[in-house]
C-alpha atoms as a PDB file:
ATOM      1  CA  MET A   1     -12.795 -18.435   3.111  1.00  0.00           C
ATOM      2  CA  ASP A   2     -15.461 -17.807   5.711  1.00  0.00           C
ATOM      3  CA  LEU A   3     -15.266 -15.364   8.596  1.00  0.00           C
ATOM      4  CA  ARG A   4     -14.288 -17.988  11.151  1.00  0.00           C
ATOM      5  CA  ARG A   5     -11.336 -19.103   9.068  1.00  0.00           C
ATOM      6  CA  ALA A   6     -10.308 -15.496   8.464  1.00  0.00           C
ATOM      7  CA  VAL A   7     -10.349 -14.821  12.216  1.00  0.00           C
ATOM      8  CA  ALA A   8      -8.459 -18.041  12.871  1.00  0.00           C
ATOM      9  CA  ARG A   9      -5.690 -16.857  10.514  1.00  0.00           C
ATOM     10  CA  LEU A  10      -5.093 -13.686  12.547  1.00  0.00           C
ATOM     11  CA  PRO A  11      -2.092 -13.475  14.880  1.00  0.00           C
ATOM     12  CA  ALA A  12      -3.005 -14.592  18.409  1.00  0.00           C
ATOM     13  CA  ASP A  13      -3.191 -11.094  19.928  1.00  0.00           C
ATOM     14  CA  MET A  14      -5.474  -9.814  17.156  1.00  0.00           C
ATOM     15  CA  LYS A  15      -7.634 -12.929  17.265  1.00  0.00           C
ATOM     16  CA  LEU A  16      -8.099 -12.598  21.009  1.00  0.00           C
ATOM     17  CA  ALA A  17      -8.981  -8.911  20.684  1.00  0.00           C
ATOM     18  CA  ILE A  18     -11.645  -9.696  18.056  1.00  0.00           C
ATOM     19  CA  VAL A  19     -13.090 -12.547  20.106  1.00  0.00           C
ATOM     20  CA  LEU A  20     -13.255 -10.419  23.240  1.00  0.00           C
ATOM     21  CA  ARG A  21     -14.851  -7.482  21.421  1.00  0.00           C
ATOM     22  CA  TYR A  22     -17.307  -9.121  19.040  1.00  0.00           C
ATOM     23  CA  TYR A  23     -17.959 -12.577  20.447  1.00  0.00           C
ATOM     24  CA  LEU A  24     -17.938 -11.684  24.147  1.00  0.00           C
ATOM     25  CA  ASP A  25     -19.019  -8.037  23.670  1.00  0.00           C
ATOM     26  CA  LEU A  26     -16.404  -6.604  26.059  1.00  0.00           C
ATOM     27  CA  GLU A  27     -15.613  -2.901  26.264  1.00  0.00           C
ATOM     28  CA  PHE A  28     -12.115  -1.723  25.303  1.00  0.00           C
ATOM     29  CA  GLU A  29     -11.242  -1.095  28.955  1.00  0.00           C
ATOM     30  CA  ASP A  30     -12.038  -4.734  29.785  1.00  0.00           C
ATOM     31  CA  ILE A  31     -10.189  -5.993  26.708  1.00  0.00           C
ATOM     32  CA  GLY A  32      -7.171  -3.970  27.812  1.00  0.00           C
ATOM     33  CA  ARG A  33      -7.277  -5.582  31.241  1.00  0.00           C
ATOM     34  CA  VAL A  34      -7.390  -9.073  29.724  1.00  0.00           C
ATOM     35  CA  LEU A  35      -4.567  -8.306  27.296  1.00  0.00           C
ATOM     36  CA  GLY A  36      -2.503  -6.360  29.840  1.00  0.00           C
ATOM     37  CA  VAL A  37      -2.580  -3.153  27.789  1.00  0.00           C
ATOM     38  CA  SER A  38      -4.328   0.209  27.957  1.00  0.00           C
ATOM     39  CA  ASP A  39      -7.818   0.655  26.598  1.00  0.00           C
ATOM     40  CA  LYS A  40      -6.360   2.741  23.750  1.00  0.00           C
ATOM     41  CA  ALA A  41      -3.961  -0.067  22.848  1.00  0.00           C
ATOM     42  CA  ALA A  42      -6.841  -2.557  22.967  1.00  0.00           C
ATOM     43  CA  LYS A  43      -8.869  -0.357  20.612  1.00  0.00           C
ATOM     44  CA  ALA A  44      -5.903  -0.099  18.240  1.00  0.00           C
ATOM     45  CA  ARG A  45      -5.453  -3.872  18.276  1.00  0.00           C
ATOM     46  CA  VAL A  46      -9.092  -4.441  17.379  1.00  0.00           C
ATOM     47  CA  HIS A  47      -8.849  -1.798  14.654  1.00  0.00           C
ATOM     48  CA  ARG A  48      -5.737  -3.391  13.125  1.00  0.00           C
ATOM     49  CA  ALA A  49      -7.403  -6.803  13.218  1.00  0.00           C
ATOM     50  CA  LEU A  50     -10.463  -5.431  11.407  1.00  0.00           C
ATOM     51  CA  ILE A  51      -8.242  -3.909   8.726  1.00  0.00           C
ATOM     52  CA  ARG A  52      -6.554  -7.262   8.241  1.00  0.00           C
ATOM     53  CA  LEU A  53      -9.908  -9.035   8.016  1.00  0.00           C
ATOM     54  CA  ARG A  54     -11.071  -6.530   5.386  1.00  0.00           C
ATOM     55  CA  VAL A  55      -7.939  -7.183   3.343  1.00  0.00           C
ATOM     56  CA  ASP A  56      -8.520 -10.938   3.602  1.00  0.00           C
ATOM     57  CA  ALA A  57     -12.162 -10.456   2.596  1.00  0.00           C
ATOM     58  CA  GLY A  58     -11.083  -8.421  -0.430  1.00  0.00           C
ATOM     59  CA  GLU A  59      -8.671 -11.153  -1.475  1.00  0.00           C
ATOM     60  CA  MET A  60     -11.411 -13.710  -0.985  1.00  0.00           C
ATOM     61  CA  LEU A  61     -13.756 -11.753  -3.269  1.00  0.00           C
ATOM     62  CA  ASN A  62     -11.035 -11.357  -5.896  1.00  0.00           C
ATOM     63  CA  ASP A  63     -10.371 -15.106  -5.852  1.00  0.00           C
ATOM     64  CA  ALA A  64     -14.047 -15.955  -6.387  1.00  0.00           C
END
């Protein structure tokens, strides 16, 4: 599985947080505004999404 597919498999809120942060290079305050949450909640969402991507990457390496 490549990175794009791993991101695509994320729940919508996590996927959007990752896209806003790493594809559009938005700050957490701006991500929070887009998502309708605080900047701390936006940071947590990105963090949880990264954890999930790491788990998926680990599974991908184990399957290889």
